[in-house]
């Protein structure tokens, strides 16, 4: 019997820095830049995939996520990277 996948939602954000945009993932050492918000986000998605795949190949992805503060992570965890615009969030009550 195969275990059901457990979702883990990672939060990405894109912020404007002058004429460039910076994309990050909460609690992970990943940062990407772009000339547009879409470019920064796209680059971060690519970098995140490469980061996760390299750690998965080494057998340390779960440990890295747990060390970053994400709980209940195991081989059945399904990771989602969701983006929000920090400028929009700052305007919400």
Foldseek 3Di string as FASTA:
>chain_A
DDDAAAEDEWEKEWEDDPQKIWIDIQLDPFIAIGSDSVVRVVVRVVVVVVVQVVCVVVVCNQVSCVVSPDPPDDPRYDYHYHYDYVVVVVPDD
